[in-house]
Amino acid sequence: MIVLALDTAGVDCAAAVYDSGTDSVLGEVTETIGRGHAELLMAIIDRALVKAGVALQSVDRIAVSIGPGSFTGIRVGVAAARGFALSLGIPAVGVTTLQVLAAAHHQANPGRPLLVAMDAKRGEVYLQRFDERGHAAGEPVAVTVEKAQAIASGFKGDIVGSGASLLTGQSTENSGDRFPIAVIAKLGALAGIGEKPKPLYLRGPDVRPQAGFAVALK
């Protein structure tokens, strides 16, 4: 199965072509841009397909990171994935960013329980537990830093992600969350086919309408 994976949920804009039959990434392109995913994504996809030597029509499945993460970026990636799936008549699947971070860490550190913590800003953390096999051991949640610290204080395992330093008190450079596109592709190949991918927002957007200027939606 040939999987086209997309990621616009963090600071990267990335695409990869993955062959599940040979467990190999045929071509991938990642650019760290911070913002502006909508303007760059299609060119990134084209470059990944050219690197892989694969035509878009040969893709069997689309995989996309669905969040939590950049509110606008997630919308761009999910819309592109659903558009490609519709036009090509193939399934699209979503992979959470917390799942990606867990899988990436588990590959290098197997056999350890894991707490994935992403800095959600505004005094909050996106949090999810994973067991020693890398399987989710709870639902993803958005909690205050204080509550996340309380959870982490009794956790026996590894803590990873951009929010890890908030939980452990260790000062580290935080350049934003990055989600390896190859991991997204592999997880997407293993995912079951269900509903169309949709953004995973654990809270509302940071930007809110000014009072007195909101327009009622009918």
N, C-alpha and C. Protein backbone atom coordinates (compact mmCIF):
# COMPACT_ATOMS: atom_id res chain seq x y z
N MET A 1 0.84 -1.20 0.00
CA MET A 1 0.00 0.00 0.00
C MET A 1 0.88 1.25 0.00
N ILE A 2 0.56 2.18 -0.87
CA ILE A 2 1.28 3.45 -0.95
C ILE A 2 0.49 4.50 -0.18
N VAL A 3 1.14 5.11 0.81
CA VAL A 3 0.51 6.11 1.66
C VAL A 3 1.14 7.47 1.40
N LEU A 4 0.32 8.48 1.20
CA LEU A 4 0.78 9.86 1.15
C LEU A 4 0.43 10.50 2.48
N ALA A 5 1.46 10.89 3.24
CA ALA A 5 1.26 11.47 4.57
C ALA A 5 1.50 12.97 4.54
N LEU A 6 0.67 13.70 5.29
CA LEU A 6 0.75 15.16 5.34
C LEU A 6 0.83 15.63 6.79
N ASP A 7 1.61 16.68 7.02
CA ASP A 7 1.67 17.27 8.36
C ASP A 7 1.76 18.78 8.28
N THR A 8 0.77 19.44 8.88
CA THR A 8 0.78 20.90 9.00
C THR A 8 0.35 21.31 10.41
N ALA A 9 0.49 20.39 11.36
CA ALA A 9 -0.05 20.62 12.70
C ALA A 9 0.90 21.37 13.62
N GLY A 10 2.18 21.47 13.24
CA GLY A 10 3.15 22.14 14.09
C GLY A 10 3.94 23.18 13.33
N VAL A 11 5.22 23.26 13.59
CA VAL A 11 6.05 24.27 12.93
C VAL A 11 6.53 23.81 11.56
N ASP A 12 6.34 22.52 11.25
CA ASP A 12 6.77 21.98 9.96
C ASP A 12 5.62 21.94 8.96
N CYS A 13 5.99 21.99 7.69
CA CYS A 13 5.08 21.66 6.60
C CYS A 13 5.74 20.48 5.89
N ALA A 14 5.09 19.32 5.91
CA ALA A 14 5.77 18.11 5.47
C ALA A 14 4.85 17.16 4.72
N ALA A 15 5.47 16.36 3.85
CA ALA A 15 4.76 15.30 3.13
C ALA A 15 5.73 14.16 2.91
N ALA A 16 5.19 12.95 2.88
CA ALA A 16 6.02 11.76 2.65
C ALA A 16 5.20 10.73 1.89
N VAL A 17 5.91 9.93 1.10
CA VAL A 17 5.31 8.80 0.41
C VAL A 17 5.91 7.54 1.00
N TYR A 18 5.05 6.66 1.49
CA TYR A 18 5.48 5.48 2.24
C TYR A 18 4.90 4.22 1.61
N ASP A 19 5.73 3.20 1.46
CA ASP A 19 5.31 1.90 0.93
C ASP A 19 5.23 0.93 2.11
N SER A 20 4.00 0.56 2.50
CA SER A 20 3.86 -0.33 3.66
C SER A 20 4.32 -1.75 3.34
N GLY A 21 4.31 -2.13 2.06
CA GLY A 21 4.75 -3.47 1.69
C GLY A 21 6.21 -3.71 1.96
N THR A 22 7.02 -2.68 1.77
CA THR A 22 8.47 -2.80 2.01
C THR A 22 8.90 -2.05 3.26
N ASP A 23 7.93 -1.42 3.96
CA ASP A 23 8.20 -0.62 5.15
C ASP A 23 9.30 0.41 4.87
N SER A 24 9.12 1.16 3.78
CA SER A 24 10.14 2.13 3.40
C SER A 24 9.50 3.45 2.99
N VAL A 25 10.16 4.53 3.39
CA VAL A 25 9.75 5.87 2.95
C VAL A 25 10.40 6.12 1.60
N LEU A 26 9.61 6.27 0.58
CA LEU A 26 10.12 6.43 -0.79
C LEU A 26 10.59 7.86 -1.06
N GLY A 27 9.97 8.80 -0.38
CA GLY A 27 10.36 10.19 -0.56
C GLY A 27 9.69 11.06 0.48
N GLU A 28 10.41 12.01 1.03
CA GLU A 28 9.82 12.91 2.02
C GLU A 28 10.44 14.29 1.91
N VAL A 29 9.63 15.29 2.24
CA VAL A 29 10.10 16.67 2.25
C VAL A 29 9.53 17.34 3.50
N THR A 30 10.39 17.98 4.27
CA THR A 30 9.97 18.71 5.46
C THR A 30 10.63 20.08 5.47
N GLU A 31 9.82 21.11 5.65
CA GLU A 31 10.34 22.47 5.80
C GLU A 31 9.77 23.06 7.08
N THR A 32 10.65 23.60 7.90
CA THR A 32 10.22 24.25 9.14
C THR A 32 9.90 25.71 8.83
N ILE A 33 8.60 26.04 8.92
CA ILE A 33 8.16 27.37 8.48
C ILE A 33 7.42 28.14 9.56
N GLY A 34 6.94 27.45 10.59
CA GLY A 34 6.17 28.12 11.63
C GLY A 34 4.75 28.37 11.20
N ARG A 35 4.59 29.26 10.20
CA ARG A 35 3.25 29.57 9.66
C ARG A 35 3.30 29.58 8.13
N GLY A 36 2.13 29.69 7.52
CA GLY A 36 2.06 29.76 6.07
C GLY A 36 1.93 28.40 5.40
N HIS A 37 1.37 27.43 6.11
CA HIS A 37 1.23 26.08 5.57
C HIS A 37 0.39 26.03 4.30
N ALA A 38 -0.66 26.83 4.24
CA ALA A 38 -1.58 26.78 3.10
C ALA A 38 -0.87 27.15 1.80
N GLU A 39 0.06 28.09 1.87
CA GLU A 39 0.76 28.55 0.67
C GLU A 39 1.80 27.54 0.19
N LEU A 40 2.31 26.70 1.08
CA LEU A 40 3.44 25.84 0.74
C LEU A 40 3.09 24.37 0.57
N LEU A 41 1.98 23.93 1.15
CA LEU A 41 1.70 22.49 1.23
C LEU A 41 1.69 21.79 -0.13
N MET A 42 1.02 22.35 -1.12
CA MET A 42 0.91 21.66 -2.41
C MET A 42 2.28 21.48 -3.08
N ALA A 43 3.13 22.48 -2.95
CA ALA A 43 4.48 22.35 -3.52
C ALA A 43 5.28 21.28 -2.78
N ILE A 44 5.10 21.20 -1.46
CA ILE A 44 5.78 20.16 -0.66
C ILE A 44 5.32 18.78 -1.10
N ILE A 45 4.03 18.62 -1.32
CA ILE A 45 3.49 17.33 -1.76
C ILE A 45 4.07 16.95 -3.12
N ASP A 46 4.09 17.90 -4.04
CA ASP A 46 4.64 17.63 -5.38
C ASP A 46 6.10 17.17 -5.28
N ARG A 47 6.89 17.84 -4.45
CA ARG A 47 8.30 17.48 -4.30
C ARG A 47 8.47 16.08 -3.71
N ALA A 48 7.62 15.73 -2.73
CA ALA A 48 7.71 14.40 -2.13
C ALA A 48 7.36 13.32 -3.14
N LEU A 49 6.35 13.57 -3.98
CA LEU A 49 5.97 12.59 -5.00
C LEU A 49 7.08 12.43 -6.04
N VAL A 50 7.71 13.53 -6.42
CA VAL A 50 8.81 13.46 -7.39
C VAL A 50 9.98 12.69 -6.79
N LYS A 51 10.33 12.97 -5.54
CA LYS A 51 11.41 12.24 -4.88
C LYS A 51 11.14 10.74 -4.84
N ALA A 52 9.86 10.40 -4.60
CA ALA A 52 9.49 8.99 -4.49
C ALA A 52 9.36 8.32 -5.84
N GLY A 53 9.23 9.11 -6.90
CA GLY A 53 9.00 8.55 -8.22
C GLY A 53 7.63 7.90 -8.33
N VAL A 54 6.66 8.49 -7.62
CA VAL A 54 5.30 7.94 -7.56
C VAL A 54 4.32 8.99 -8.07
N ALA A 55 3.40 8.57 -8.92
CA ALA A 55 2.35 9.46 -9.40
C ALA A 55 1.25 9.56 -8.34
N LEU A 56 0.61 10.71 -8.26
CA LEU A 56 -0.46 10.90 -7.28
C LEU A 56 -1.54 9.83 -7.45
N GLN A 57 -1.82 9.44 -8.67
CA GLN A 57 -2.87 8.46 -8.95
C GLN A 57 -2.51 7.06 -8.42
N SER A 58 -1.25 6.84 -8.06
CA SER A 58 -0.82 5.54 -7.53
C SER A 58 -0.95 5.44 -6.02
N VAL A 59 -1.33 6.54 -5.37
CA VAL A 59 -1.47 6.55 -3.92
C VAL A 59 -2.74 5.79 -3.51
N ASP A 60 -2.62 4.95 -2.48
CA ASP A 60 -3.74 4.13 -2.01
C ASP A 60 -4.44 4.70 -0.78
N ARG A 61 -3.74 5.55 -0.04
CA ARG A 61 -4.30 6.08 1.19
C ARG A 61 -3.64 7.41 1.52
N ILE A 62 -4.42 8.31 2.13
CA ILE A 62 -3.89 9.58 2.64
C ILE A 62 -3.88 9.52 4.16
N ALA A 63 -2.79 9.94 4.78
CA ALA A 63 -2.70 10.05 6.24
C ALA A 63 -2.37 11.49 6.60
N VAL A 64 -2.98 11.99 7.66
CA VAL A 64 -2.76 13.39 8.03
C VAL A 64 -2.76 13.55 9.54
N SER A 65 -1.90 14.44 10.04
CA SER A 65 -1.90 14.77 11.46
C SER A 65 -3.10 15.66 11.75
N ILE A 66 -3.87 15.32 12.79
CA ILE A 66 -5.14 16.01 13.04
C ILE A 66 -5.11 16.85 14.31
N GLY A 67 -3.97 16.91 14.99
CA GLY A 67 -3.89 17.72 16.19
C GLY A 67 -3.86 16.87 17.44
N PRO A 68 -3.80 17.54 18.59
CA PRO A 68 -3.82 18.98 18.76
C PRO A 68 -2.55 19.65 18.26
N GLY A 69 -2.66 20.95 18.02
CA GLY A 69 -1.53 21.71 17.51
C GLY A 69 -1.99 23.05 16.99
N SER A 70 -1.39 23.49 15.90
CA SER A 70 -1.73 24.77 15.29
C SER A 70 -3.16 24.75 14.77
N PHE A 71 -3.99 25.63 15.29
CA PHE A 71 -5.41 25.64 14.93
C PHE A 71 -5.60 25.77 13.42
N THR A 72 -4.94 26.77 12.83
CA THR A 72 -5.07 27.00 11.39
C THR A 72 -4.36 25.93 10.58
N GLY A 73 -3.17 25.55 11.02
CA GLY A 73 -2.41 24.54 10.30
C GLY A 73 -3.15 23.22 10.18
N ILE A 74 -3.79 22.80 11.27
CA ILE A 74 -4.53 21.54 11.25
C ILE A 74 -5.65 21.60 10.21
N ARG A 75 -6.35 22.71 10.15
CA ARG A 75 -7.45 22.85 9.17
C ARG A 75 -6.93 22.71 7.75
N VAL A 76 -5.75 23.27 7.49
CA VAL A 76 -5.15 23.19 6.15
C VAL A 76 -4.86 21.74 5.77
N GLY A 77 -4.20 21.01 6.67
CA GLY A 77 -3.82 19.64 6.39
C GLY A 77 -5.02 18.72 6.23
N VAL A 78 -5.99 18.84 7.13
CA VAL A 78 -7.17 17.98 7.07
C VAL A 78 -7.98 18.26 5.81
N ALA A 79 -8.14 19.53 5.45
CA ALA A 79 -8.87 19.86 4.23
C ALA A 79 -8.18 19.29 3.00
N ALA A 80 -6.86 19.38 2.96
CA ALA A 80 -6.11 18.83 1.82
C ALA A 80 -6.27 17.31 1.75
N ALA A 81 -6.16 16.64 2.90
CA ALA A 81 -6.28 15.18 2.93
C ALA A 81 -7.64 14.73 2.46
N ARG A 82 -8.68 15.40 2.92
CA ARG A 82 -10.03 15.02 2.51
C ARG A 82 -10.28 15.33 1.03
N GLY A 83 -9.67 16.42 0.56
CA GLY A 83 -9.81 16.75 -0.85
C GLY A 83 -9.14 15.72 -1.75
N PHE A 84 -7.93 15.32 -1.40
CA PHE A 84 -7.24 14.30 -2.18
C PHE A 84 -8.00 12.97 -2.14
N ALA A 85 -8.48 12.60 -0.97
CA ALA A 85 -9.21 11.34 -0.84
C ALA A 85 -10.46 11.33 -1.71
N LEU A 86 -11.16 12.43 -1.72
CA LEU A 86 -12.38 12.53 -2.52
C LEU A 86 -12.08 12.45 -4.01
N SER A 87 -11.07 13.20 -4.45
CA SER A 87 -10.77 13.25 -5.88
C SER A 87 -10.18 11.94 -6.40
N LEU A 88 -9.44 11.24 -5.54
CA LEU A 88 -8.80 9.99 -5.95
C LEU A 88 -9.64 8.75 -5.66
N GLY A 89 -10.69 8.93 -4.85
CA GLY A 89 -11.53 7.79 -4.49
C GLY A 89 -10.85 6.81 -3.58
N ILE A 90 -10.04 7.34 -2.63
CA ILE A 90 -9.30 6.49 -1.70
C ILE A 90 -9.59 6.95 -0.27
N PRO A 91 -9.30 6.12 0.74
CA PRO A 91 -9.56 6.53 2.12
C PRO A 91 -8.53 7.52 2.64
N ALA A 92 -8.96 8.32 3.60
CA ALA A 92 -8.06 9.21 4.34
C ALA A 92 -8.21 8.89 5.82
N VAL A 93 -7.10 8.90 6.54
CA VAL A 93 -7.11 8.60 7.97
C VAL A 93 -6.38 9.70 8.72
N GLY A 94 -6.80 9.90 9.97
CA GLY A 94 -6.15 10.89 10.81
C GLY A 94 -5.31 10.25 11.89
N VAL A 95 -4.21 10.91 12.23
CA VAL A 95 -3.30 10.46 13.28
C VAL A 95 -3.08 11.63 14.24
N THR A 96 -3.26 11.42 15.54
CA THR A 96 -3.08 12.53 16.46
C THR A 96 -1.60 12.84 16.66
N THR A 97 -1.31 14.08 16.96
CA THR A 97 0.07 14.49 17.16
C THR A 97 0.65 13.88 18.44
N LEU A 98 -0.18 13.68 19.44
CA LEU A 98 0.29 13.03 20.67
C LEU A 98 0.69 11.58 20.38
N GLN A 99 -0.07 10.93 19.53
CA GLN A 99 0.24 9.56 19.12
C GLN A 99 1.56 9.51 18.35
N VAL A 100 1.80 10.51 17.51
CA VAL A 100 3.04 10.57 16.74
C VAL A 100 4.25 10.73 17.67
N LEU A 101 4.15 11.65 18.63
CA LEU A 101 5.26 11.87 19.55
C LEU A 101 5.53 10.61 20.38
N ALA A 102 4.46 9.92 20.77
CA ALA A 102 4.62 8.69 21.54
C ALA A 102 5.30 7.61 20.72
N ALA A 103 4.86 7.44 19.48
CA ALA A 103 5.43 6.40 18.61
C ALA A 103 6.90 6.69 18.30
N ALA A 104 7.22 7.96 18.06
CA ALA A 104 8.60 8.32 17.75
C ALA A 104 9.52 8.04 18.94
N HIS A 105 9.06 8.35 20.14
CA HIS A 105 9.87 8.09 21.34
C HIS A 105 9.96 6.59 21.61
N HIS A 106 8.86 5.89 21.41
CA HIS A 106 8.83 4.46 21.71
C HIS A 106 9.76 3.67 20.79
N GLN A 107 9.94 4.13 19.56
CA GLN A 107 10.85 3.45 18.64
C GLN A 107 12.27 3.40 19.19
N ALA A 108 12.69 4.51 19.81
CA ALA A 108 14.05 4.58 20.35
C ALA A 108 14.14 4.13 21.80
N ASN A 109 12.98 4.10 22.50
CA ASN A 109 12.98 3.75 23.93
C ASN A 109 11.82 2.80 24.22
N PRO A 110 11.88 1.59 23.70
CA PRO A 110 10.77 0.64 23.90
C PRO A 110 10.68 0.16 25.34
N GLY A 111 9.48 -0.28 25.71
CA GLY A 111 9.31 -0.90 27.02
C GLY A 111 9.13 0.05 28.17
N ARG A 112 8.89 1.35 27.89
CA ARG A 112 8.72 2.33 28.95
C ARG A 112 7.36 3.00 28.84
N PRO A 113 6.61 3.12 29.96
CA PRO A 113 5.39 3.93 29.93
C PRO A 113 5.73 5.37 29.56
N LEU A 114 4.78 6.07 29.00
CA LEU A 114 5.09 7.38 28.44
C LEU A 114 3.97 8.37 28.74
N LEU A 115 4.38 9.58 29.09
CA LEU A 115 3.45 10.69 29.24
C LEU A 115 3.85 11.75 28.23
N VAL A 116 2.99 11.99 27.24
CA VAL A 116 3.27 12.99 26.22
C VAL A 116 2.63 14.30 26.65
N ALA A 117 3.42 15.36 26.68
CA ALA A 117 2.95 16.67 27.13
C ALA A 117 3.33 17.73 26.10
N MET A 118 2.34 18.37 25.53
CA MET A 118 2.58 19.46 24.58
C MET A 118 2.18 20.78 25.22
N ASP A 119 3.04 21.78 25.08
CA ASP A 119 2.75 23.11 25.60
C ASP A 119 1.62 23.73 24.77
N ALA A 120 0.45 23.90 25.40
CA ALA A 120 -0.71 24.45 24.71
C ALA A 120 -0.81 25.96 24.88
N LYS A 121 0.16 26.55 25.58
CA LYS A 121 0.17 27.99 25.87
C LYS A 121 -1.01 28.33 26.80
N ARG A 122 -1.12 29.59 27.16
CA ARG A 122 -2.19 30.09 28.03
C ARG A 122 -2.30 29.29 29.33
N GLY A 123 -1.14 28.78 29.83
CA GLY A 123 -1.14 28.07 31.09
C GLY A 123 -1.74 26.68 31.03
N GLU A 124 -1.77 26.08 29.83
CA GLU A 124 -2.35 24.75 29.67
C GLU A 124 -1.38 23.80 28.98
N VAL A 125 -1.65 22.52 29.13
CA VAL A 125 -0.84 21.47 28.53
C VAL A 125 -1.76 20.43 27.91
N TYR A 126 -1.43 19.99 26.69
CA TYR A 126 -2.11 18.83 26.10
C TYR A 126 -1.40 17.59 26.61
N LEU A 127 -2.16 16.63 27.11
CA LEU A 127 -1.57 15.52 27.83
C LEU A 127 -2.23 14.20 27.43
N GLN A 128 -1.41 13.14 27.32
CA GLN A 128 -1.94 11.80 27.10
C GLN A 128 -0.94 10.76 27.58
N ARG A 129 -1.45 9.70 28.21
CA ARG A 129 -0.62 8.59 28.68
C ARG A 129 -0.56 7.49 27.62
N PHE A 130 0.57 6.80 27.57
CA PHE A 130 0.76 5.63 26.71
C PHE A 130 1.45 4.56 27.53
N ASP A 131 1.09 3.28 27.28
CA ASP A 131 1.69 2.21 28.05
C ASP A 131 3.05 1.82 27.48
N GLU A 132 3.65 0.78 28.07
CA GLU A 132 4.99 0.38 27.67
C GLU A 132 5.05 -0.20 26.25
N ARG A 133 3.90 -0.52 25.69
CA ARG A 133 3.85 -1.01 24.30
C ARG A 133 3.62 0.12 23.31
N GLY A 134 3.44 1.34 23.83
CA GLY A 134 3.17 2.48 22.97
C GLY A 134 1.71 2.69 22.65
N HIS A 135 0.83 1.95 23.34
CA HIS A 135 -0.61 2.07 23.12
C HIS A 135 -1.20 3.13 24.05
N ALA A 136 -2.19 3.85 23.58
CA ALA A 136 -2.83 4.87 24.41
C ALA A 136 -3.42 4.25 25.66
N ALA A 137 -3.15 4.87 26.80
CA ALA A 137 -3.67 4.39 28.08
C ALA A 137 -4.64 5.39 28.68
N GLY A 138 -5.13 6.29 27.87
CA GLY A 138 -6.07 7.31 28.31
C GLY A 138 -6.38 8.24 27.15
N GLU A 139 -7.39 9.07 27.31
CA GLU A 139 -7.78 10.00 26.26
C GLU A 139 -6.91 11.26 26.31
N PRO A 140 -6.70 11.92 25.17
CA PRO A 140 -5.97 13.20 25.19
C PRO A 140 -6.82 14.28 25.84
N VAL A 141 -6.18 15.11 26.66
CA VAL A 141 -6.90 16.15 27.40
C VAL A 141 -6.09 17.44 27.39
N ALA A 142 -6.76 18.54 27.63
CA ALA A 142 -6.11 19.82 27.88
C ALA A 142 -6.32 20.16 29.35
N VAL A 143 -5.23 20.31 30.09
CA VAL A 143 -5.33 20.59 31.53
C VAL A 143 -4.42 21.76 31.86
N THR A 144 -4.63 22.33 33.03
CA THR A 144 -3.75 23.41 33.47
C THR A 144 -2.35 22.86 33.75
N VAL A 145 -1.38 23.75 33.73
CA VAL A 145 -0.01 23.33 34.03
C VAL A 145 0.05 22.73 35.42
N GLU A 146 -0.66 23.32 36.36
CA GLU A 146 -0.64 22.82 37.73
C GLU A 146 -1.18 21.40 37.83
N LYS A 147 -2.26 21.12 37.12
CA LYS A 147 -2.83 19.77 37.15
C LYS A 147 -1.89 18.78 36.45
N ALA A 148 -1.29 19.23 35.35
CA ALA A 148 -0.35 18.37 34.64
C ALA A 148 0.85 18.04 35.51
N GLN A 149 1.32 19.01 36.28
CA GLN A 149 2.45 18.77 37.19
C GLN A 149 2.07 17.76 38.26
N ALA A 150 0.84 17.82 38.75
CA ALA A 150 0.38 16.87 39.75
C ALA A 150 0.33 15.45 39.19
N ILE A 151 -0.12 15.34 37.94
CA ILE A 151 -0.17 14.03 37.28
C ILE A 151 1.25 13.50 37.07
N ALA A 152 2.14 14.36 36.63
CA ALA A 152 3.51 13.95 36.34
C ALA A 152 4.27 13.55 37.59
N SER A 153 3.93 14.16 38.74
CA SER A 153 4.68 13.89 39.96
C SER A 153 4.59 12.43 40.39
N GLY A 154 3.50 11.76 40.03
CA GLY A 154 3.37 10.36 40.41
C GLY A 154 3.53 9.41 39.26
N PHE A 155 4.05 9.92 38.14
CA PHE A 155 4.16 9.08 36.94
C PHE A 155 5.51 8.38 36.91
N LYS A 156 5.48 7.07 36.68
CA LYS A 156 6.70 6.27 36.60
C LYS A 156 6.95 5.91 35.14
N GLY A 157 7.69 6.75 34.46
CA GLY A 157 7.98 6.52 33.05
C GLY A 157 8.63 7.74 32.44
N ASP A 158 8.67 7.81 31.12
CA ASP A 158 9.28 8.93 30.42
C ASP A 158 8.24 10.02 30.14
N ILE A 159 8.69 11.26 30.16
CA ILE A 159 7.83 12.41 29.82
C ILE A 159 8.47 13.13 28.65
N VAL A 160 7.74 13.29 27.57
CA VAL A 160 8.30 13.89 26.36
C VAL A 160 7.34 14.93 25.79
N GLY A 161 7.86 15.75 24.88
CA GLY A 161 7.06 16.78 24.24
C GLY A 161 7.46 18.17 24.68
N SER A 162 6.92 19.16 24.00
CA SER A 162 7.29 20.54 24.30
C SER A 162 6.85 21.00 25.67
N GLY A 163 5.91 20.27 26.29
CA GLY A 163 5.46 20.62 27.63
C GLY A 163 6.18 19.88 28.73
N ALA A 164 7.14 19.03 28.38
CA ALA A 164 7.83 18.22 29.38
C ALA A 164 8.53 19.09 30.42
N SER A 165 9.17 20.17 29.98
CA SER A 165 9.90 21.01 30.92
C SER A 165 8.96 21.71 31.90
N LEU A 166 7.72 21.96 31.48
CA LEU A 166 6.74 22.57 32.37
C LEU A 166 6.36 21.61 33.49
N LEU A 167 6.42 20.32 33.20
CA LEU A 167 6.03 19.31 34.18
C LEU A 167 7.18 18.92 35.10
N THR A 168 8.39 18.91 34.56
CA THR A 168 9.54 18.44 35.32
C THR A 168 10.32 19.57 36.00
N GLY A 169 10.09 20.82 35.53
CA GLY A 169 10.81 21.95 36.09
C GLY A 169 12.19 22.13 35.52
N GLN A 170 12.56 21.28 34.55
CA GLN A 170 13.86 21.39 33.91
C GLN A 170 13.76 22.36 32.73
N SER A 171 14.60 23.37 32.71
CA SER A 171 14.56 24.38 31.66
C SER A 171 15.23 23.86 30.39
N THR A 172 14.44 23.80 29.31
CA THR A 172 14.98 23.37 28.02
C THR A 172 14.48 24.31 26.94
N GLU A 173 15.23 24.38 25.84
CA GLU A 173 14.82 25.24 24.72
C GLU A 173 13.60 24.63 24.05
N ASN A 174 12.57 25.45 23.85
CA ASN A 174 11.34 24.98 23.22
C ASN A 174 11.13 25.71 21.91
N SER A 175 11.42 25.03 20.80
CA SER A 175 11.28 25.64 19.48
C SER A 175 9.97 25.21 18.81
N GLY A 176 9.08 24.59 19.58
CA GLY A 176 7.81 24.15 19.03
C GLY A 176 7.81 22.66 18.77
N ASP A 177 6.61 22.12 18.70
CA ASP A 177 6.47 20.68 18.48
C ASP A 177 6.69 20.33 17.02
N ARG A 178 7.41 19.23 16.80
CA ARG A 178 7.66 18.70 15.47
C ARG A 178 7.22 17.25 15.44
N PHE A 179 6.54 16.86 14.39
CA PHE A 179 5.96 15.54 14.29
C PHE A 179 6.55 14.83 13.07
N PRO A 180 7.45 13.86 13.28
CA PRO A 180 8.15 13.21 12.17
C PRO A 180 7.18 12.66 11.12
N ILE A 181 7.33 13.10 9.90
CA ILE A 181 6.39 12.73 8.85
C ILE A 181 6.45 11.24 8.54
N ALA A 182 7.62 10.62 8.69
CA ALA A 182 7.73 9.18 8.45
C ALA A 182 6.89 8.40 9.46
N VAL A 183 6.84 8.88 10.70
CA VAL A 183 6.04 8.22 11.73
C VAL A 183 4.56 8.38 11.42
N ILE A 184 4.16 9.55 10.96
CA ILE A 184 2.76 9.77 10.57
C ILE A 184 2.37 8.81 9.46
N ALA A 185 3.26 8.63 8.49
CA ALA A 185 2.99 7.73 7.36
C ALA A 185 2.80 6.29 7.84
N LYS A 186 3.68 5.83 8.72
CA LYS A 186 3.60 4.45 9.20
C LYS A 186 2.35 4.23 10.05
N LEU A 187 2.04 5.18 10.91
CA LEU A 187 0.83 5.06 11.72
C LEU A 187 -0.41 5.11 10.85
N GLY A 188 -0.36 5.93 9.81
CA GLY A 188 -1.49 6.01 8.89
C GLY A 188 -1.74 4.72 8.15
N ALA A 189 -0.66 4.01 7.82
CA ALA A 189 -0.79 2.72 7.12
C ALA A 189 -1.43 1.68 8.02
N LEU A 190 -1.21 1.78 9.34
CA LEU A 190 -1.74 0.80 10.29
C LEU A 190 -3.14 1.15 10.77
N ALA A 191 -3.57 2.39 10.57
CA ALA A 191 -4.85 2.84 11.12
C ALA A 191 -6.03 2.17 10.42
N GLY A 192 -7.07 1.92 11.19
CA GLY A 192 -8.30 1.38 10.62
C GLY A 192 -9.05 2.47 9.86
N ILE A 193 -9.83 2.05 8.88
CA ILE A 193 -10.62 2.99 8.09
C ILE A 193 -11.94 3.25 8.80
N GLY A 194 -12.21 4.50 9.08
CA GLY A 194 -13.46 4.86 9.75
C GLY A 194 -14.01 6.14 9.17
N GLU A 195 -14.36 7.06 10.05
CA GLU A 195 -14.87 8.34 9.61
C GLU A 195 -13.75 9.15 8.95
N LYS A 196 -14.16 10.14 8.15
CA LYS A 196 -13.17 11.02 7.54
C LYS A 196 -12.40 11.75 8.63
N PRO A 197 -11.11 12.01 8.41
CA PRO A 197 -10.34 12.72 9.44
C PRO A 197 -10.92 14.10 9.71
N LYS A 198 -10.89 14.49 10.96
CA LYS A 198 -11.34 15.82 11.34
C LYS A 198 -10.41 16.37 12.41
N PRO A 199 -10.31 17.68 12.51
CA PRO A 199 -9.37 18.26 13.48
C PRO A 199 -9.68 17.85 14.91
N LEU A 200 -8.63 17.58 15.67
CA LEU A 200 -8.76 17.31 17.10
C LEU A 200 -8.39 18.59 17.84
N TYR A 201 -9.42 19.32 18.24
CA TYR A 201 -9.22 20.55 19.01
C TYR A 201 -9.63 20.26 20.45
N LEU A 202 -8.68 20.34 21.37
CA LEU A 202 -9.00 20.10 22.77
C LEU A 202 -9.46 21.36 23.48
N ARG A 203 -9.43 22.48 22.75
CA ARG A 203 -9.97 23.74 23.27
C ARG A 203 -10.25 24.62 22.06
N GLY A 204 -10.86 25.80 22.30
CA GLY A 204 -11.17 26.70 21.21
C GLY A 204 -9.95 27.44 20.71
N PRO A 205 -10.08 28.19 19.60
CA PRO A 205 -8.94 28.93 19.05
C PRO A 205 -8.51 30.05 19.97
N ASP A 206 -7.22 30.44 19.86
CA ASP A 206 -6.70 31.54 20.67
C ASP A 206 -7.31 32.87 20.29
N VAL A 207 -7.64 33.04 19.00
CA VAL A 207 -8.20 34.30 18.51
C VAL A 207 -9.71 34.25 18.65
N ARG A 208 -10.27 35.22 19.32
CA ARG A 208 -11.72 35.26 19.54
C ARG A 208 -12.29 36.56 18.98
N PRO A 209 -13.58 36.56 18.53
CA PRO A 209 -14.18 37.78 18.00
C PRO A 209 -14.25 38.86 19.06
N GLN A 210 -14.09 40.12 18.66
CA GLN A 210 -14.22 41.23 19.59
C GLN A 210 -15.68 41.38 19.99
N ALA A 211 -15.90 41.76 21.24
CA ALA A 211 -17.26 41.94 21.73
C ALA A 211 -17.97 43.00 20.90
N GLY A 212 -19.20 42.73 20.52
CA GLY A 212 -19.98 43.67 19.75
C GLY A 212 -19.83 43.50 18.25
N PHE A 213 -18.91 42.62 17.82
CA PHE A 213 -18.68 42.44 16.39
C PHE A 213 -18.97 41.00 15.95
N ALA A 214 -19.47 40.18 16.86
CA ALA A 214 -19.77 38.80 16.49
C ALA A 214 -21.03 38.76 15.62
N VAL A 215 -21.00 37.92 14.61
CA VAL A 215 -22.13 37.77 13.70
C VAL A 215 -22.78 36.43 13.96
N ALA A 216 -24.09 36.45 14.19
CA ALA A 216 -24.80 35.20 14.45
C ALA A 216 -24.84 34.36 13.18
N LEU A 217 -24.59 33.05 13.34
CA LEU A 217 -24.64 32.12 12.22
C LEU A 217 -26.02 31.46 12.20
N LYS A 218 -26.65 31.49 11.03
CA LYS A 218 -28.00 30.92 10.89
C LYS A 218 -27.91 29.54 10.26
